[in-house]
Every structure is written in structure tokens, then in C-alpha cells.
PDB file of N, CA and C in Angstrom:
ATOM      1  N   MET A   1     -63.371  40.774  60.281  1.00  0.00           N
ATOM      2  CA  MET A   1     -64.115  41.010  59.065  1.00  0.00           C
ATOM      3  C   MET A   1     -65.321  41.893  59.345  1.00  0.00           C
ATOM      4  N   GLU A   2     -65.945  41.672  60.508  1.00  0.00           N
ATOM      5  CA  GLU A   2     -67.112  42.482  60.842  1.00  0.00           C
ATOM      6  C   GLU A   2     -66.730  43.951  60.977  1.00  0.00           C
ATOM      7  N   PHE A   3     -65.580  44.218  61.636  1.00  0.00           N
ATOM      8  CA  PHE A   3     -65.143  45.606  61.791  1.00  0.00           C
ATOM      9  C   PHE A   3     -64.874  46.236  60.432  1.00  0.00           C
ATOM     10  N   ILE A   4     -64.226  45.505  59.553  1.00  0.00           N
ATOM     11  CA  ILE A   4     -63.914  46.031  58.221  1.00  0.00           C
ATOM     12  C   ILE A   4     -65.199  46.369  57.473  1.00  0.00           C
ATOM     13  N   ALA A   5     -66.165  45.466  57.519  1.00  0.00           N
ATOM     14  CA  ALA A   5     -67.430  45.712  56.825  1.00  0.00           C
ATOM     15  C   ALA A   5     -68.168  46.900  57.434  1.00  0.00           C
ATOM     16  N   THR A   6     -68.186  46.974  58.760  1.00  0.00           N
ATOM     17  CA  THR A   6     -68.853  48.092  59.432  1.00  0.00           C
ATOM     18  C   THR A   6     -68.142  49.406  59.135  1.00  0.00           C
ATOM     19  N   ALA A   7     -66.820  49.400  59.231  1.00  0.00           N
ATOM     20  CA  ALA A   7     -66.038  50.623  59.004  1.00  0.00           C
ATOM     21  C   ALA A   7     -66.165  51.114  57.575  1.00  0.00           C
ATOM     22  N   ALA A   8     -66.293  50.207  56.644  1.00  0.00           N
ATOM     23  CA  ALA A   8     -66.420  50.609  55.242  1.00  0.00           C
ATOM     24  C   ALA A   8     -67.730  51.355  54.992  1.00  0.00           C
ATOM     25  N   ARG A   9     -68.731  51.099  55.840  1.00  0.00           N
ATOM     26  CA  ARG A   9     -70.034  51.751  55.670  1.00  0.00           C
ATOM     27  C   ARG A   9     -70.223  52.952  56.592  1.00  0.00           C
ATOM     28  N   ASP A  10     -69.293  53.166  57.513  1.00  0.00           N
ATOM     29  CA  ASP A  10     -69.441  54.219  58.515  1.00  0.00           C
ATOM     30  C   ASP A  10     -68.298  55.223  58.363  1.00  0.00           C
ATOM     31  N   ALA A  11     -68.634  56.428  57.953  1.00  0.00           N
ATOM     32  CA  ALA A  11     -67.618  57.452  57.684  1.00  0.00           C
ATOM     33  C   ALA A  11     -66.761  57.757  58.909  1.00  0.00           C
ATOM     34  N   THR A  12     -67.316  57.597  60.113  1.00  0.00           N
ATOM     35  CA  THR A  12     -66.526  57.895  61.313  1.00  0.00           C
ATOM     36  C   THR A  12     -65.464  56.833  61.577  1.00  0.00           C
ATOM     37  N   LEU A  13     -65.638  55.646  61.040  1.00  0.00           N
ATOM     38  CA  LEU A  13     -64.668  54.565  61.242  1.00  0.00           C
ATOM     39  C   LEU A  13     -63.715  54.382  60.066  1.00  0.00           C
ATOM     40  N   THR A  14     -64.033  54.979  58.937  1.00  0.00           N
ATOM     41  CA  THR A  14     -63.234  54.775  57.730  1.00  0.00           C
ATOM     42  C   THR A  14     -61.782  55.185  57.930  1.00  0.00           C
ATOM     43  N   ASP A  15     -61.550  56.325  58.576  1.00  0.00           N
ATOM     44  CA  ASP A  15     -60.176  56.776  58.803  1.00  0.00           C
ATOM     45  C   ASP A  15     -59.414  55.814  59.706  1.00  0.00           C
ATOM     46  N   ALA A  16     -60.077  55.310  60.749  1.00  0.00           N
ATOM     47  CA  ALA A  16     -59.426  54.354  61.651  1.00  0.00           C
ATOM     48  C   ALA A  16     -59.071  53.068  60.910  1.00  0.00           C
ATOM     49  N   LEU A  17     -59.969  52.614  60.058  1.00  0.00           N
ATOM     50  CA  LEU A  17     -59.705  51.412  59.266  1.00  0.00           C
ATOM     51  C   LEU A  17     -58.534  51.648  58.321  1.00  0.00           C
ATOM     52  N   ARG A  18     -58.554  52.766  57.630  1.00  0.00           N
ATOM     53  CA  ARG A  18     -57.476  53.087  56.692  1.00  0.00           C
ATOM     54  C   ARG A  18     -56.134  53.141  57.419  1.00  0.00           C
ATOM     55  N   GLU A  19     -56.110  53.752  58.606  1.00  0.00           N
ATOM     56  CA  GLU A  19     -54.875  53.862  59.385  1.00  0.00           C
ATOM     57  C   GLU A  19     -54.361  52.482  59.797  1.00  0.00           C
ATOM     58  N   ARG A  20     -55.268  51.630  60.240  1.00  0.00           N
ATOM     59  CA  ARG A  20     -54.881  50.279  60.676  1.00  0.00           C
ATOM     60  C   ARG A  20     -54.345  49.458  59.507  1.00  0.00           C
ATOM     61  N   VAL A  21     -55.002  49.535  58.375  1.00  0.00           N
ATOM     62  CA  VAL A  21     -54.543  48.799  57.195  1.00  0.00           C
ATOM     63  C   VAL A  21     -53.204  49.353  56.722  1.00  0.00           C
ATOM     64  N   GLN A  22     -53.046  50.673  56.781  1.00  0.00           N
ATOM     65  CA  GLN A  22     -51.774  51.274  56.364  1.00  0.00           C
ATOM     66  C   GLN A  22     -50.630  50.833  57.268  1.00  0.00           C
ATOM     67  N   LEU A  23     -50.896  50.661  58.567  1.00  0.00           N
ATOM     68  CA  LEU A  23     -49.869  50.148  59.479  1.00  0.00           C
ATOM     69  C   LEU A  23     -49.403  48.766  59.044  1.00  0.00           C
ATOM     70  N   MET A  24     -50.350  47.923  58.638  1.00  0.00           N
ATOM     71  CA  MET A  24     -49.998  46.584  58.177  1.00  0.00           C
ATOM     72  C   MET A  24     -49.163  46.673  56.905  1.00  0.00           C
ATOM     73  N   ILE A  25     -49.579  47.503  55.974  1.00  0.00           N
ATOM     74  CA  ILE A  25     -48.835  47.657  54.719  1.00  0.00           C
ATOM     75  C   ILE A  25     -47.440  48.209  55.002  1.00  0.00           C
ATOM     76  N   ASP A  26     -47.338  49.175  55.909  1.00  0.00           N
ATOM     77  CA  ASP A  26     -46.029  49.728  56.267  1.00  0.00           C
ATOM     78  C   ASP A  26     -45.122  48.656  56.871  1.00  0.00           C
ATOM     79  N   GLY A  27     -45.693  47.802  57.705  1.00  0.00           N
ATOM     80  CA  GLY A  27     -44.915  46.705  58.284  1.00  0.00           C
ATOM     81  C   GLY A  27     -44.410  45.757  57.218  1.00  0.00           C
ATOM     82  N   TYR A  28     -45.285  45.404  56.290  1.00  0.00           N
ATOM     83  CA  TYR A  28     -44.859  44.527  55.199  1.00  0.00           C
ATOM     84  C   TYR A  28     -43.874  45.239  54.271  1.00  0.00           C
ATOM     85  N   ARG A  29     -43.971  46.551  54.175  1.00  0.00           N
ATOM     86  CA  ARG A  29     -42.996  47.297  53.373  1.00  0.00           C
ATOM     87  C   ARG A  29     -41.601  47.123  53.964  1.00  0.00           C
ATOM     88  N   GLU A  30     -41.497  47.191  55.295  1.00  0.00           N
ATOM     89  CA  GLU A  30     -40.207  46.970  55.957  1.00  0.00           C
ATOM     90  C   GLU A  30     -39.670  45.575  55.648  1.00  0.00           C
ATOM     91  N   VAL A  31     -40.541  44.576  55.734  1.00  0.00           N
ATOM     92  CA  VAL A  31     -40.130  43.198  55.446  1.00  0.00           C
ATOM     93  C   VAL A  31     -39.693  43.075  53.990  1.00  0.00           C
ATOM     94  N   ALA A  32     -40.493  43.619  53.073  1.00  0.00           N
ATOM     95  CA  ALA A  32     -40.182  43.525  51.641  1.00  0.00           C
ATOM     96  C   ALA A  32     -38.874  44.237  51.315  1.00  0.00           C
ATOM     97  N   ALA A  33     -38.663  45.401  51.903  1.00  0.00           N
ATOM     98  CA  ALA A  33     -37.430  46.150  51.636  1.00  0.00           C
ATOM     99  C   ALA A  33     -36.208  45.414  52.180  1.00  0.00           C
ATOM    100  N   ALA A  34     -36.356  44.777  53.326  1.00  0.00           N
ATOM    101  CA  ALA A  34     -35.229  44.078  53.948  1.00  0.00           C
ATOM    102  C   ALA A  34     -34.819  42.824  53.178  1.00  0.00           C
ATOM    103  N   HIS A  35     -35.763  42.191  52.496  1.00  0.00           N
ATOM    104  CA  HIS A  35     -35.484  40.917  51.817  1.00  0.00           C
ATOM    105  C   HIS A  35     -35.486  41.044  50.300  1.00  0.00           C
ATOM    106  N   ARG A  36     -35.511  42.222  49.810  1.00  0.00           N
ATOM    107  CA  ARG A  36     -35.603  42.508  48.378  1.00  0.00           C
ATOM    108  C   ARG A  36     -34.320  42.124  47.644  1.00  0.00           C
ATOM    109  N   THR A  37     -34.454  41.562  46.461  1.00  0.00           N
ATOM    110  CA  THR A  37     -33.289  41.266  45.630  1.00  0.00           C
ATOM    111  C   THR A  37     -32.965  42.477  44.760  1.00  0.00           C
ATOM    112  N   ASP A  38     -31.714  42.575  44.348  1.00  0.00           N
ATOM    113  CA  ASP A  38     -31.269  43.729  43.558  1.00  0.00           C
ATOM    114  C   ASP A  38     -31.959  43.826  42.203  1.00  0.00           C
ATOM    115  N   ASP A  39     -32.345  42.691  41.646  1.00  0.00           N
ATOM    116  CA  ASP A  39     -32.933  42.706  40.304  1.00  0.00           C
ATOM    117  C   ASP A  39     -34.461  42.777  40.307  1.00  0.00           C
ATOM    118  N   GLU A  40     -35.068  42.958  41.467  1.00  0.00           N
ATOM    119  CA  GLU A  40     -36.533  43.040  41.551  1.00  0.00           C
ATOM    120  C   GLU A  40     -37.029  44.290  40.836  1.00  0.00           C
ATOM    121  N   GLN A  41     -37.996  44.104  39.965  1.00  0.00           N
ATOM    122  CA  GLN A  41     -38.554  45.219  39.197  1.00  0.00           C
ATOM    123  C   GLN A  41     -39.829  45.784  39.809  1.00  0.00           C
ATOM    124  N   LEU A  42     -40.536  44.983  40.566  1.00  0.00           N
ATOM    125  CA  LEU A  42     -41.790  45.425  41.178  1.00  0.00           C
ATOM    126  C   LEU A  42     -41.471  46.368  42.345  1.00  0.00           C
ATOM    127  N   PRO A  43     -42.067  47.549  42.374  1.00  0.00           N
ATOM    128  CA  PRO A  43     -41.785  48.488  43.468  1.00  0.00           C
ATOM    129  C   PRO A  43     -42.102  47.880  44.834  1.00  0.00           C
ATOM    130  N   VAL A  44     -41.295  48.228  45.828  1.00  0.00           N
ATOM    131  CA  VAL A  44     -41.440  47.665  47.160  1.00  0.00           C
ATOM    132  C   VAL A  44     -42.830  47.941  47.737  1.00  0.00           C
ATOM    133  N   ASP A  45     -43.424  49.098  47.423  1.00  0.00           N
ATOM    134  CA  ASP A  45     -44.773  49.393  47.916  1.00  0.00           C
ATOM    135  C   ASP A  45     -45.804  48.432  47.332  1.00  0.00           C
ATOM    136  N   ASP A  46     -45.636  48.049  46.076  1.00  0.00           N
ATOM    137  CA  ASP A  46     -46.547  47.078  45.463  1.00  0.00           C
ATOM    138  C   ASP A  46     -46.393  45.708  46.112  1.00  0.00           C
ATOM    139  N   VAL A  47     -45.155  45.307  46.366  1.00  0.00           N
ATOM    140  CA  VAL A  47     -44.912  44.023  47.031  1.00  0.00           C
ATOM    141  C   VAL A  47     -45.559  44.038  48.414  1.00  0.00           C
ATOM    142  N   ALA A  48     -45.415  45.140  49.138  1.00  0.00           N
ATOM    143  CA  ALA A  48     -46.007  45.251  50.474  1.00  0.00           C
ATOM    144  C   ALA A  48     -47.527  45.123  50.421  1.00  0.00           C
ATOM    145  N   ARG A  49     -48.158  45.769  49.450  1.00  0.00           N
ATOM    146  CA  ARG A  49     -49.621  45.668  49.331  1.00  0.00           C
ATOM    147  C   ARG A  49     -50.046  44.239  48.982  1.00  0.00           C
ATOM    148  N   LEU A  50     -49.289  43.575  48.132  1.00  0.00           N
ATOM    149  CA  LEU A  50     -49.600  42.183  47.799  1.00  0.00           C
ATOM    150  C   LEU A  50     -49.418  41.273  49.011  1.00  0.00           C
ATOM    151  N   MET A  51     -48.377  41.516  49.805  1.00  0.00           N
ATOM    152  CA  MET A  51     -48.162  40.724  51.017  1.00  0.00           C
ATOM    153  C   MET A  51     -49.317  40.920  51.997  1.00  0.00           C
ATOM    154  N   ALA A  52     -49.757  42.160  52.165  1.00  0.00           N
ATOM    155  CA  ALA A  52     -50.884  42.439  53.057  1.00  0.00           C
ATOM    156  C   ALA A  52     -52.157  41.768  52.542  1.00  0.00           C
ATOM    157  N   ALA A  53     -52.353  41.801  51.235  1.00  0.00           N
ATOM    158  CA  ALA A  53     -53.537  41.158  50.649  1.00  0.00           C
ATOM    159  C   ALA A  53     -53.497  39.649  50.872  1.00  0.00           C
ATOM    160  N   LEU A  54     -52.327  39.039  50.723  1.00  0.00           N
ATOM    161  CA  LEU A  54     -52.197  37.601  50.971  1.00  0.00           C
ATOM    162  C   LEU A  54     -52.480  37.296  52.436  1.00  0.00           C
ATOM    163  N   ASP A  55     -51.915  38.076  53.343  1.00  0.00           N
ATOM    164  CA  ASP A  55     -52.146  37.901  54.774  1.00  0.00           C
ATOM    165  C   ASP A  55     -53.640  37.974  55.090  1.00  0.00           C
ATOM    166  N   GLN A  56     -54.314  39.000  54.582  1.00  0.00           N
ATOM    167  CA  GLN A  56     -55.735  39.173  54.857  1.00  0.00           C
ATOM    168  C   GLN A  56     -56.571  38.069  54.227  1.00  0.00           C
ATOM    169  N   GLY A  57     -56.200  37.653  53.034  1.00  0.00           N
ATOM    170  CA  GLY A  57     -56.920  36.560  52.379  1.00  0.00           C
ATOM    171  C   GLY A  57     -56.795  35.259  53.152  1.00  0.00           C
ATOM    172  N   VAL A  58     -55.593  34.973  53.637  1.00  0.00           N
ATOM    173  CA  VAL A  58     -55.378  33.768  54.440  1.00  0.00           C
ATOM    174  C   VAL A  58     -56.198  33.849  55.722  1.00  0.00           C
ATOM    175  N   SER A  59     -56.230  35.030  56.333  1.00  0.00           N
ATOM    176  CA  SER A  59     -57.026  35.195  57.555  1.00  0.00           C
ATOM    177  C   SER A  59     -58.496  34.900  57.297  1.00  0.00           C
ATOM    178  N   LYS A  60     -59.014  35.381  56.189  1.00  0.00           N
ATOM    179  CA  LYS A  60     -60.422  35.137  55.860  1.00  0.00           C
ATOM    180  C   LYS A  60     -60.677  33.663  55.590  1.00  0.00           C
ATOM    181  N   LEU A  61     -59.777  33.007  54.885  1.00  0.00           N
ATOM    182  CA  LEU A  61     -59.940  31.577  54.640  1.00  0.00           C
ATOM    183  C   LEU A  61     -59.882  30.795  55.951  1.00  0.00           C
ATOM    184  N   THR A  62     -58.975  31.180  56.844  1.00  0.00           N
ATOM    185  CA  THR A  62     -58.868  30.505  58.134  1.00  0.00           C
ATOM    186  C   THR A  62     -60.152  30.685  58.937  1.00  0.00           C
ATOM    187  N   LEU A  63     -60.690  31.907  58.953  1.00  0.00           N
ATOM    188  CA  LEU A  63     -61.966  32.141  59.638  1.00  0.00           C
ATOM    189  C   LEU A  63     -63.085  31.312  59.026  1.00  0.00           C
ATOM    190  N   GLY A  64     -62.967  31.036  57.737  1.00  0.00           N
ATOM    191  CA  GLY A  64     -63.962  30.227  57.043  1.00  0.00           C
ATOM    192  C   GLY A  64     -63.761  28.729  57.213  1.00  0.00           C
ATOM    193  N   GLY A  65     -62.769  28.341  58.021  1.00  0.00           N
ATOM    194  CA  GLY A  65     -62.567  26.929  58.313  1.00  0.00           C
ATOM    195  C   GLY A  65     -61.565  26.221  57.415  1.00  0.00           C
ATOM    196  N   ILE A  66     -60.893  26.947  56.555  1.00  0.00           N
ATOM    197  CA  ILE A  66     -59.882  26.338  55.689  1.00  0.00           C
ATOM    198  C   ILE A  66     -58.581  26.295  56.480  1.00  0.00           C
ATOM    199  N   SER A  67     -58.224  25.131  56.983  1.00  0.00           N
ATOM    200  CA  SER A  67     -57.061  25.029  57.867  1.00  0.00           C
ATOM    201  C   SER A  67     -55.799  24.571  57.147  1.00  0.00           C
ATOM    202  N   ALA A  68     -55.868  24.324  55.852  1.00  0.00           N
ATOM    203  CA  ALA A  68     -54.691  23.861  55.116  1.00  0.00           C
ATOM    204  C   ALA A  68     -53.673  24.979  54.923  1.00  0.00           C
ATOM    205  N   LEU A  69     -54.023  26.210  55.249  1.00  0.00           N
ATOM    206  CA  LEU A  69     -53.119  27.349  55.100  1.00  0.00           C
ATOM    207  C   LEU A  69     -52.416  27.608  56.426  1.00  0.00           C
ATOM    208  N   ASP A  70     -51.304  26.919  56.641  1.00  0.00           N
ATOM    209  CA  ASP A  70     -50.565  27.079  57.882  1.00  0.00           C
ATOM    210  C   ASP A  70     -49.353  27.977  57.670  1.00  0.00           C
ATOM    211  N   GLY A  71     -48.546  28.115  58.697  1.00  0.00           N
ATOM    212  CA  GLY A  71     -47.370  28.972  58.651  1.00  0.00           C
ATOM    213  C   GLY A  71     -46.437  28.703  57.486  1.00  0.00           C
ATOM    214  N   PRO A  72     -46.029  27.446  57.263  1.00  0.00           N
ATOM    215  CA  PRO A  72     -45.114  27.184  56.146  1.00  0.00           C
ATOM    216  C   PRO A  72     -45.688  27.557  54.779  1.00  0.00           C
ATOM    217  N   LEU A  73     -46.958  27.332  54.562  1.00  0.00           N
ATOM    218  CA  LEU A  73     -47.549  27.680  53.271  1.00  0.00           C
ATOM    219  C   LEU A  73     -47.636  29.200  53.104  1.00  0.00           C
ATOM    220  N   LEU A  74     -48.043  29.903  54.154  1.00  0.00           N
ATOM    221  CA  LEU A  74     -48.085  31.363  54.084  1.00  0.00           C
ATOM    222  C   LEU A  74     -46.680  31.924  53.891  1.00  0.00           C
ATOM    223  N   ARG A  75     -45.708  31.369  54.607  1.00  0.00           N
ATOM    224  CA  ARG A  75     -44.321  31.810  54.455  1.00  0.00           C
ATOM    225  C   ARG A  75     -43.857  31.613  53.014  1.00  0.00           C
ATOM    226  N   ALA A  76     -44.189  30.478  52.417  1.00  0.00           N
ATOM    227  CA  ALA A  76     -43.801  30.220  51.023  1.00  0.00           C
ATOM    228  C   ALA A  76     -44.425  31.255  50.091  1.00  0.00           C
ATOM    229  N   GLY A  77     -45.685  31.580  50.319  1.00  0.00           N
ATOM    230  CA  GLY A  77     -46.347  32.582  49.486  1.00  0.00           C
ATOM    231  C   GLY A  77     -45.730  33.959  49.638  1.00  0.00           C
ATOM    232  N   LEU A  78     -45.445  34.348  50.882  1.00  0.00           N
ATOM    233  CA  LEU A  78     -44.826  35.652  51.123  1.00  0.00           C
ATOM    234  C   LEU A  78     -43.422  35.708  50.519  1.00  0.00           C
ATOM    235  N   ARG A  79     -42.665  34.619  50.661  1.00  0.00           N
ATOM    236  CA  ARG A  79     -41.313  34.592  50.082  1.00  0.00           C
ATOM    237  C   ARG A  79     -41.358  34.684  48.564  1.00  0.00           C
ATOM    238  N   ARG A  80     -42.346  34.089  47.954  1.00  0.00           N
ATOM    239  CA  ARG A  80     -42.449  34.181  46.491  1.00  0.00           C
ATOM    240  C   ARG A  80     -42.735  35.612  46.052  1.00  0.00           C
ATOM    241  N   LEU A  81     -43.401  36.374  46.894  1.00  0.00           N
ATOM    242  CA  LEU A  81     -43.622  37.786  46.576  1.00  0.00           C
ATOM    243  C   LEU A  81     -42.344  38.606  46.749  1.00  0.00           C
ATOM    244  N   VAL A  82     -41.554  38.290  47.763  1.00  0.00           N
ATOM    245  CA  VAL A  82     -40.350  39.054  48.063  1.00  0.00           C
ATOM    246  C   VAL A  82     -39.174  38.629  47.183  1.00  0.00           C
ATOM    247  N   ASP A  83     -39.009  37.319  46.990  1.00  0.00           N
ATOM    248  CA  ASP A  83     -37.864  36.789  46.241  1.00  0.00           C
ATOM    249  C   ASP A  83     -38.325  35.590  45.418  1.00  0.00           C
ATOM    250  N   PRO A  84     -39.038  35.836  44.314  1.00  0.00           N
ATOM    251  CA  PRO A  84     -39.614  34.733  43.543  1.00  0.00           C
ATOM    252  C   PRO A  84     -38.588  33.688  43.104  1.00  0.00           C
ATOM    253  N   ARG A  85     -37.451  34.129  42.619  1.00  0.00           N
ATOM    254  CA  ARG A  85     -36.450  33.184  42.123  1.00  0.00           C
ATOM    255  C   ARG A  85     -35.883  32.342  43.262  1.00  0.00           C
ATOM    256  N   GLY A  86     -35.518  32.986  44.354  1.00  0.00           N
ATOM    257  CA  GLY A  86     -34.960  32.266  45.493  1.00  0.00           C
ATOM    258  C   GLY A  86     -35.966  31.316  46.124  1.00  0.00           C
ATOM    259  N   ALA A  87     -37.209  31.748  46.238  1.00  0.00           N
ATOM    260  CA  ALA A  87     -38.241  30.902  46.836  1.00  0.00           C
ATOM    261  C   ALA A  87     -38.557  29.707  45.957  1.00  0.00           C
ATOM    262  N   ALA A  88     -38.525  29.893  44.647  1.00  0.00           N
ATOM    263  CA  ALA A  88     -38.830  28.790  43.731  1.00  0.00           C
ATOM    264  C   ALA A  88     -37.760  27.711  43.780  1.00  0.00           C
ATOM    265  N   ASP A  89     -36.538  28.080  44.159  1.00  0.00           N
ATOM    266  CA  ASP A  89     -35.446  27.110  44.234  1.00  0.00           C
ATOM    267  C   ASP A  89     -35.476  26.280  45.506  1.00  0.00           C
ATOM    268  N   GLU A  90     -36.258  26.702  46.491  1.00  0.00           N
ATOM    269  CA  GLU A  90     -36.327  25.982  47.760  1.00  0.00           C
ATOM    270  C   GLU A  90     -37.340  24.848  47.675  1.00  0.00           C
ATOM    271  N   PRO A  91     -37.058  23.734  48.352  1.00  0.00           N
ATOM    272  CA  PRO A  91     -38.056  22.657  48.377  1.00  0.00           C
ATOM    273  C   PRO A  91     -39.267  23.100  49.185  1.00  0.00           C
ATOM    274  N   PRO A  92     -40.434  22.560  48.876  1.00  0.00           N
ATOM    275  CA  PRO A  92     -41.629  22.942  49.635  1.00  0.00           C
ATOM    276  C   PRO A  92     -41.496  22.532  51.101  1.00  0.00           C
ATOM    277  N   SER A  93     -42.008  23.370  51.982  1.00  0.00           N
ATOM    278  CA  SER A  93     -41.977  23.076  53.413  1.00  0.00           C
ATOM    279  C   SER A  93     -43.087  22.103  53.759  1.00  0.00           C
ATOM    280  N   GLU A  94     -42.836  21.340  54.798  1.00  0.00           N
ATOM    281  CA  GLU A  94     -43.878  20.463  55.318  1.00  0.00           C
ATOM    282  C   GLU A  94     -44.889  21.310  56.074  1.00  0.00           C
ATOM    283  N   HIS A  95     -46.148  21.009  55.890  1.00  0.00           N
ATOM    284  CA  HIS A  95     -47.179  21.713  56.656  1.00  0.00           C
ATOM    285  C   HIS A  95     -47.090  21.243  58.100  1.00  0.00           C
ATOM    286  N   ASP A  96     -47.112  22.199  59.018  1.00  0.00           N
ATOM    287  CA  ASP A  96     -46.998  21.828  60.426  1.00  0.00           C
ATOM    288  C   ASP A  96     -48.188  22.288  61.260  1.00  0.00           C
ATOM    289  N   GLY A  97     -49.177  22.881  60.609  1.00  0.00           N
ATOM    290  CA  GLY A  97     -50.362  23.318  61.329  1.00  0.00           C
ATOM    291  C   GLY A  97     -50.204  24.641  62.050  1.00  0.00           C
ATOM    292  N   SER A  98     -49.002  25.213  62.025  1.00  0.00           N
ATOM    293  CA  SER A  98     -48.805  26.485  62.720  1.00  0.00           C
ATOM    294  C   SER A  98     -49.392  27.620  61.901  1.00  0.00           C
ATOM    295  N   ALA A  99     -49.879  28.608  62.582  1.00  0.00           N
ATOM    296  CA  ALA A  99     -50.494  29.738  61.893  1.00  0.00           C
ATOM    297  C   ALA A  99     -49.612  30.975  61.915  1.00  0.00           C
ATOM    298  N   GLU A 100     -48.646  31.009  62.797  1.00  0.00           N
ATOM    299  CA  GLU A 100     -47.843  32.218  62.979  1.00  0.00           C
ATOM    300  C   GLU A 100     -46.455  32.035  62.391  1.00  0.00           C
ATOM    301  N   LEU A 101     -45.903  33.078  61.869  1.00  0.00           N
ATOM    302  CA  LEU A 101     -44.533  33.081  61.397  1.00  0.00           C
ATOM    303  C   LEU A 101     -43.916  34.418  61.739  1.00  0.00           C
ATOM    304  N   PRO A 102     -42.597  34.487  61.861  1.00  0.00           N
ATOM    305  CA  PRO A 102     -41.964  35.689  62.411  1.00  0.00           C
ATOM    306  C   PRO A 102     -42.326  36.986  61.704  1.00  0.00           C
ATOM    307  N   GLU A 103     -42.327  37.013  60.380  1.00  0.00           N
ATOM    308  CA  GLU A 103     -42.608  38.252  59.663  1.00  0.00           C
ATOM    309  C   GLU A 103     -44.025  38.735  59.931  1.00  0.00           C
ATOM    310  N   VAL A 104     -44.975  37.826  59.869  1.00  0.00           N
ATOM    311  CA  VAL A 104     -46.371  38.192  60.106  1.00  0.00           C
ATOM    312  C   VAL A 104     -46.559  38.600  61.566  1.00  0.00           C
ATOM    313  N   ALA A 105     -45.922  37.884  62.477  1.00  0.00           N
ATOM    314  CA  ALA A 105     -46.028  38.226  63.896  1.00  0.00           C
ATOM    315  C   ALA A 105     -45.494  39.631  64.150  1.00  0.00           C
ATOM    316  N   ARG A 106     -44.390  39.995  63.501  1.00  0.00           N
ATOM    317  CA  ARG A 106     -43.813  41.324  63.683  1.00  0.00           C
ATOM    318  C   ARG A 106     -44.751  42.405  63.154  1.00  0.00           C
ATOM    319  N   VAL A 107     -45.340  42.168  62.006  1.00  0.00           N
ATOM    320  CA  VAL A 107     -46.275  43.141  61.437  1.00  0.00           C
ATOM    321  C   VAL A 107     -47.496  43.280  62.338  1.00  0.00           C
ATOM    322  N   ARG A 108     -48.013  42.170  62.816  1.00  0.00           N
ATOM    323  CA  ARG A 108     -49.179  42.239  63.700  1.00  0.00           C
ATOM    324  C   ARG A 108     -48.842  42.956  65.002  1.00  0.00           C
ATOM    325  N   GLN A 109     -47.613  42.760  65.512  1.00  0.00           N
ATOM    326  CA  GLN A 109     -47.199  43.454  66.732  1.00  0.00           C
ATOM    327  C   GLN A 109     -47.123  44.958  66.499  1.00  0.00           C
ATOM    328  N   LEU A 110     -46.670  45.388  65.328  1.00  0.00           N
ATOM    329  CA  LEU A 110     -46.656  46.815  65.003  1.00  0.00           C
ATOM    330  C   LEU A 110     -48.061  47.403  65.088  1.00  0.00           C
ATOM    331  N   ILE A 111     -49.043  46.652  64.613  1.00  0.00           N
ATOM    332  CA  ILE A 111     -50.430  47.119  64.655  1.00  0.00           C
ATOM    333  C   ILE A 111     -50.913  47.194  66.102  1.00  0.00           C
ATOM    334  N   LEU A 112     -50.623  46.156  66.888  1.00  0.00           N
ATOM    335  CA  LEU A 112     -51.048  46.153  68.288  1.00  0.00           C
ATOM    336  C   LEU A 112     -50.383  47.277  69.071  1.00  0.00           C
ATOM    337  N   ASP A 113     -49.098  47.498  68.830  1.00  0.00           N
ATOM    338  CA  ASP A 113     -48.393  48.576  69.529  1.00  0.00           C
ATOM    339  C   ASP A 113     -49.010  49.934  69.215  1.00  0.00           C
ATOM    340  N   SER A 114     -49.480  50.113  68.001  1.00  0.00           N
ATOM    341  CA  SER A 114     -50.086  51.397  67.636  1.00  0.00           C
ATOM    342  C   SER A 114     -51.423  51.594  68.334  1.00  0.00           C
ATOM    343  N   ASP A 115     -52.111  50.495  68.663  1.00  0.00           N
ATOM    344  CA  ASP A 115     -53.384  50.605  69.375  1.00  0.00           C
ATOM    345  C   ASP A 115     -53.180  51.108  70.802  1.00  0.00           C
ATOM    346  N   ASP A 116     -51.990  50.834  71.371  1.00  0.00           N
ATOM    347  CA  ASP A 116     -51.693  51.246  72.744  1.00  0.00           C
ATOM    348  C   ASP A 116     -51.354  52.721  72.852  1.00  0.00           C
ATOM    349  N   SER A 117     -50.978  53.350  71.730  1.00  0.00           N
ATOM    350  CA  SER A 117     -50.552  54.754  71.792  1.00  0.00           C
ATOM    351  C   SER A 117     -51.697  55.718  71.664  1.00  0.00           C
TER     352      SER A 117
END
């Protein structure tokens, strides 16, 4: 959060911040496109931006000490964005305290891999 706040005020960091956020959105775009239903009306880019916003919001809440947002709850939220009808038909998952889930881990790895290049 500190980097985001600093980068938003510093023109030399703004491009780096934009690039990093775009990598996350691009990663979620891949996830959204792969799990998209045929009857979905919301454009895949919009779904990707909403998924990234949910991910970032959960991260901020977790940093703020809100621990009730674990992997199963985040997964349920992301699935409702990708496949609302299918996700609504599934029973709620038990909270297990985990913070990581495969889709989010893959997107975060894409960001880390880009830092190495």
C-alpha cells in the first residue's frame, strides 16, 4: 500500500505502478477468459478488472487485520465474478484460514516473474 501511495504521487514511479497493476489485470484476464461461460454479457476485460479490485481489496483488509477473508471466501467471490450462476449453485465453502488459492497464486507469480526480467 505504501508503494502504491508513493507511486501515485511520484511521476517517476507512476509508469512502474501502472505496468505492475496491468500485469495483474492481464493475469486475471487469462483466468476470466478460461472460465467464462458462453452466455456471459460482461466483457472479459471488465471481469478481469473486477477480479483485480477484489484481490487488492482483500489484501488491504488482510493488512488491516481482517482475517475472516481466507482462500475459500476469496475463491467464492472470484468465481461469482467469472461464473455467477455456477458459483451460486455451489454450497458455501468452509473457511480454512488459508490465504492462497491457485488462480491468485498464478497471477501473483506472473507479476513476480516480470520483476525478474
